[in-house]
Amino acid sequence: MESSFLEIKDIKIWARVGVLMEERKFGQLFSLDVSLWFDFSKCSKRDDLNLTIDYSILINDIKDHSRNFSCFTIEKYSSEILKIIANKFSPERIKIKLTKCKPPITGFTGEVSITRFFNRE
């Protein structure tokens, strides 16, 4: 079996995640990087979209989910994203990096990220 992975970088998501009530009510910008390990050999041979991961669907599913979801932590939100990807596409392995682009912390101008991994057993 061929071993390769697909990378999707800088997916912009407006999500209602945070400790402050305003964060959960109004939302804020997140950036998501996704790496998916999958056997792409069948798709490579047949050029068949049904034999690969349609990343346009993946991006839309994550964005749709964010419209109806709210939580306190990026840890919980990243877990939700992993579940969406694992359940819909069944990749061998997933790596995501979820970044809160402008956390509302006085005097802090950086970003906060969490990197998570999922391995199919």
C-alpha atoms as a PDB file:
ATOM      1  CA  MET A   1       0.000   0.000   0.000  1.00  0.00           C
ATOM      2  CA  GLU A   2       1.170   3.470  -0.873  1.00  0.00           C
ATOM      3  CA  SER A   3       1.799   5.849   2.020  1.00  0.00           C
ATOM      4  CA  SER A   4       1.078   9.523   1.454  1.00  0.00           C
ATOM      5  CA  PHE A   5      -0.855  12.353   3.002  1.00  0.00           C
ATOM      6  CA  LEU A   6      -2.946  15.290   1.920  1.00  0.00           C
ATOM      7  CA  GLU A   7      -2.378  18.717   3.478  1.00  0.00           C
ATOM      8  CA  ILE A   8      -5.012  21.425   3.672  1.00  0.00           C
ATOM      9  CA  LYS A   9      -3.655  24.670   5.095  1.00  0.00           C
ATOM     10  CA  ASP A  10      -5.191  27.791   6.540  1.00  0.00           C
ATOM     11  CA  ILE A  11      -8.892  26.936   6.488  1.00  0.00           C
ATOM     12  CA  LYS A  12     -10.561  30.035   7.930  1.00  0.00           C
ATOM     13  CA  ILE A  13     -13.387  29.218  10.344  1.00  0.00           C
ATOM     14  CA  TRP A  14     -15.638  31.544  12.309  1.00  0.00           C
ATOM     15  CA  ALA A  15     -16.392  29.645  15.522  1.00  0.00           C
ATOM     16  CA  ARG A  16     -17.992  30.335  18.881  1.00  0.00           C
ATOM     17  CA  VAL A  17     -15.286  28.982  21.163  1.00  0.00           C
ATOM     18  CA  GLY A  18     -13.910  30.602  24.293  1.00  0.00           C
ATOM     19  CA  VAL A  19     -14.153  31.215  27.997  1.00  0.00           C
ATOM     20  CA  LEU A  20     -15.702  34.664  27.631  1.00  0.00           C
ATOM     21  CA  MET A  21     -19.445  34.823  26.973  1.00  0.00           C
ATOM     22  CA  GLU A  22     -18.793  37.214  24.060  1.00  0.00           C
ATOM     23  CA  GLU A  23     -16.548  34.624  22.395  1.00  0.00           C
ATOM     24  CA  ARG A  24     -19.294  32.012  22.514  1.00  0.00           C
ATOM     25  CA  LYS A  25     -22.024  34.465  21.494  1.00  0.00           C
ATOM     26  CA  PHE A  26     -20.333  36.347  18.635  1.00  0.00           C
ATOM     27  CA  GLY A  27     -17.519  33.983  17.656  1.00  0.00           C
ATOM     28  CA  GLN A  28     -14.067  34.717  16.340  1.00  0.00           C
ATOM     29  CA  LEU A  29     -11.649  33.707  13.626  1.00  0.00           C
ATOM     30  CA  PHE A  30      -9.781  30.397  13.729  1.00  0.00           C
ATOM     31  CA  SER A  31      -7.321  28.900  11.281  1.00  0.00           C
ATOM     32  CA  LEU A  32      -7.125  25.150  10.705  1.00  0.00           C
ATOM     33  CA  ASP A  33      -4.397  23.042   9.107  1.00  0.00           C
ATOM     34  CA  VAL A  34      -5.246  19.409   8.346  1.00  0.00           C
ATOM     35  CA  SER A  35      -2.999  16.512   7.299  1.00  0.00           C
ATOM     36  CA  LEU A  36      -4.671  13.236   6.284  1.00  0.00           C
ATOM     37  CA  TRP A  37      -2.890   9.936   5.722  1.00  0.00           C
ATOM     38  CA  PHE A  38      -4.824   7.834   3.248  1.00  0.00           C
ATOM     39  CA  ASP A  39      -4.274   5.251   0.526  1.00  0.00           C
ATOM     40  CA  PHE A  40      -4.503   7.417  -2.577  1.00  0.00           C
ATOM     41  CA  SER A  41      -3.213   4.710  -4.935  1.00  0.00           C
ATOM     42  CA  LYS A  42      -6.642   3.646  -6.259  1.00  0.00           C
ATOM     43  CA  CYS A  43      -7.614   7.233  -7.002  1.00  0.00           C
ATOM     44  CA  SER A  44      -4.241   7.832  -8.631  1.00  0.00           C
ATOM     45  CA  LYS A  45      -4.793   4.894 -10.983  1.00  0.00           C
ATOM     46  CA  ARG A  46      -8.458   5.530 -11.812  1.00  0.00           C
ATOM     47  CA  ASP A  47      -8.717   9.310 -11.365  1.00  0.00           C
ATOM     48  CA  ASP A  48     -11.969   8.700  -9.462  1.00  0.00           C
ATOM     49  CA  LEU A  49     -13.113  11.285  -6.918  1.00  0.00           C
ATOM     50  CA  ASN A  50     -15.040   8.578  -5.034  1.00  0.00           C
ATOM     51  CA  LEU A  51     -11.740   6.866  -4.205  1.00  0.00           C
ATOM     52  CA  THR A  52     -10.147   9.809  -2.444  1.00  0.00           C
ATOM     53  CA  ILE A  53     -10.887  12.455   0.164  1.00  0.00           C
ATOM     54  CA  ASP A  54     -12.897  15.292  -1.335  1.00  0.00           C
ATOM     55  CA  TYR A  55     -11.361  18.183   0.572  1.00  0.00           C
ATOM     56  CA  SER A  56     -14.062  20.612  -0.580  1.00  0.00           C
ATOM     57  CA  ILE A  57     -16.625  18.492   1.296  1.00  0.00           C
ATOM     58  CA  LEU A  58     -14.333  18.243   4.323  1.00  0.00           C
ATOM     59  CA  ILE A  59     -13.916  22.039   4.475  1.00  0.00           C
ATOM     60  CA  ASN A  60     -17.645  22.660   4.076  1.00  0.00           C
ATOM     61  CA  ASP A  61     -18.542  20.059   6.726  1.00  0.00           C
ATOM     62  CA  ILE A  62     -16.231  21.695   9.270  1.00  0.00           C
ATOM     63  CA  LYS A  63     -17.548  25.184   8.471  1.00  0.00           C
ATOM     64  CA  ASP A  64     -21.172  23.990   8.660  1.00  0.00           C
ATOM     65  CA  HIS A  65     -20.523  22.356  12.031  1.00  0.00           C
ATOM     66  CA  SER A  66     -19.073  25.585  13.436  1.00  0.00           C
ATOM     67  CA  ARG A  67     -22.328  27.449  12.757  1.00  0.00           C
ATOM     68  CA  ASN A  68     -24.229  25.319  15.301  1.00  0.00           C
ATOM     69  CA  PHE A  69     -21.523  24.515  17.825  1.00  0.00           C
ATOM     70  CA  SER A  70     -20.273  26.379  20.872  1.00  0.00           C
ATOM     71  CA  CYS A  71     -17.842  25.396  23.624  1.00  0.00           C
ATOM     72  CA  PHE A  72     -15.370  26.830  26.121  1.00  0.00           C
ATOM     73  CA  THR A  73     -12.042  25.355  24.942  1.00  0.00           C
ATOM     74  CA  ILE A  74     -10.057  24.833  21.773  1.00  0.00           C
ATOM     75  CA  GLU A  75      -9.312  21.364  23.139  1.00  0.00           C
ATOM     76  CA  LYS A  76     -13.012  20.426  22.893  1.00  0.00           C
ATOM     77  CA  TYR A  77     -13.431  22.104  19.513  1.00  0.00           C
ATOM     78  CA  SER A  78     -10.366  20.332  18.093  1.00  0.00           C
ATOM     79  CA  SER A  79     -11.792  17.031  19.318  1.00  0.00           C
ATOM     80  CA  GLU A  80     -15.034  17.767  17.430  1.00  0.00           C
ATOM     81  CA  ILE A  81     -13.079  18.482  14.250  1.00  0.00           C
ATOM     82  CA  LEU A  82     -11.170  15.195  14.562  1.00  0.00           C
ATOM     83  CA  LYS A  83     -14.472  13.302  14.954  1.00  0.00           C
ATOM     84  CA  ILE A  84     -15.979  14.954  11.873  1.00  0.00           C
ATOM     85  CA  ILE A  85     -12.992  14.022   9.719  1.00  0.00           C
ATOM     86  CA  ALA A  86     -12.537  10.490  11.106  1.00  0.00           C
ATOM     87  CA  ASN A  87     -16.221   9.572  10.788  1.00  0.00           C
ATOM     88  CA  LYS A  88     -16.751  10.950   7.286  1.00  0.00           C
ATOM     89  CA  PHE A  89     -13.498   9.988   5.539  1.00  0.00           C
ATOM     90  CA  SER A  90     -11.894   7.193   7.601  1.00  0.00           C
ATOM     91  CA  PRO A  91      -8.269   8.229   7.022  1.00  0.00           C
ATOM     92  CA  GLU A  92      -5.491   6.121   8.513  1.00  0.00           C
ATOM     93  CA  ARG A  93      -4.145   9.080  10.478  1.00  0.00           C
ATOM     94  CA  ILE A  94      -5.100  12.709  11.060  1.00  0.00           C
ATOM     95  CA  LYS A  95      -3.089  15.668  12.275  1.00  0.00           C
ATOM     96  CA  ILE A  96      -4.773  18.999  12.861  1.00  0.00           C
ATOM     97  CA  LYS A  97      -3.516  22.345  14.081  1.00  0.00           C
ATOM     98  CA  LEU A  98      -6.289  24.623  15.291  1.00  0.00           C
ATOM     99  CA  THR A  99      -5.300  28.251  15.881  1.00  0.00           C
ATOM    100  CA  LYS A 100      -7.263  30.960  17.642  1.00  0.00           C
ATOM    101  CA  CYS A 101      -6.075  33.912  15.588  1.00  0.00           C
ATOM    102  CA  LYS A 102      -6.687  36.781  18.023  1.00  0.00           C
ATOM    103  CA  PRO A 103      -7.448  35.551  21.537  1.00  0.00           C
ATOM    104  CA  PRO A 104      -8.923  38.345  23.665  1.00  0.00           C
ATOM    105  CA  ILE A 105      -6.108  38.569  26.206  1.00  0.00           C
ATOM    106  CA  THR A 106      -5.057  42.025  27.323  1.00  0.00           C
ATOM    107  CA  GLY A 107      -1.536  42.859  26.144  1.00  0.00           C
ATOM    108  CA  PHE A 108      -1.218  39.689  24.018  1.00  0.00           C
ATOM    109  CA  THR A 109      -1.013  40.036  20.237  1.00  0.00           C
ATOM    110  CA  GLY A 110      -0.074  36.464  19.309  1.00  0.00           C
ATOM    111  CA  GLU A 111      -2.004  33.326  18.481  1.00  0.00           C
ATOM    112  CA  VAL A 112      -2.866  30.217  20.484  1.00  0.00           C
ATOM    113  CA  SER A 113      -2.828  26.791  18.810  1.00  0.00           C
ATOM    114  CA  ILE A 114      -3.428  23.177  19.661  1.00  0.00           C
ATOM    115  CA  THR A 115      -2.079  20.287  17.573  1.00  0.00           C
ATOM    116  CA  ARG A 116      -3.944  16.987  17.766  1.00  0.00           C
ATOM    117  CA  PHE A 117      -3.427  13.558  16.254  1.00  0.00           C
ATOM    118  CA  PHE A 118      -5.773  10.664  15.514  1.00  0.00           C
ATOM    119  CA  ASN A 119      -4.669   7.165  14.481  1.00  0.00           C
ATOM    120  CA  ARG A 120      -7.129   4.569  13.220  1.00  0.00           C
ATOM    121  CA  GLU A 121      -6.634   1.299  15.038  1.00  0.00           C
END
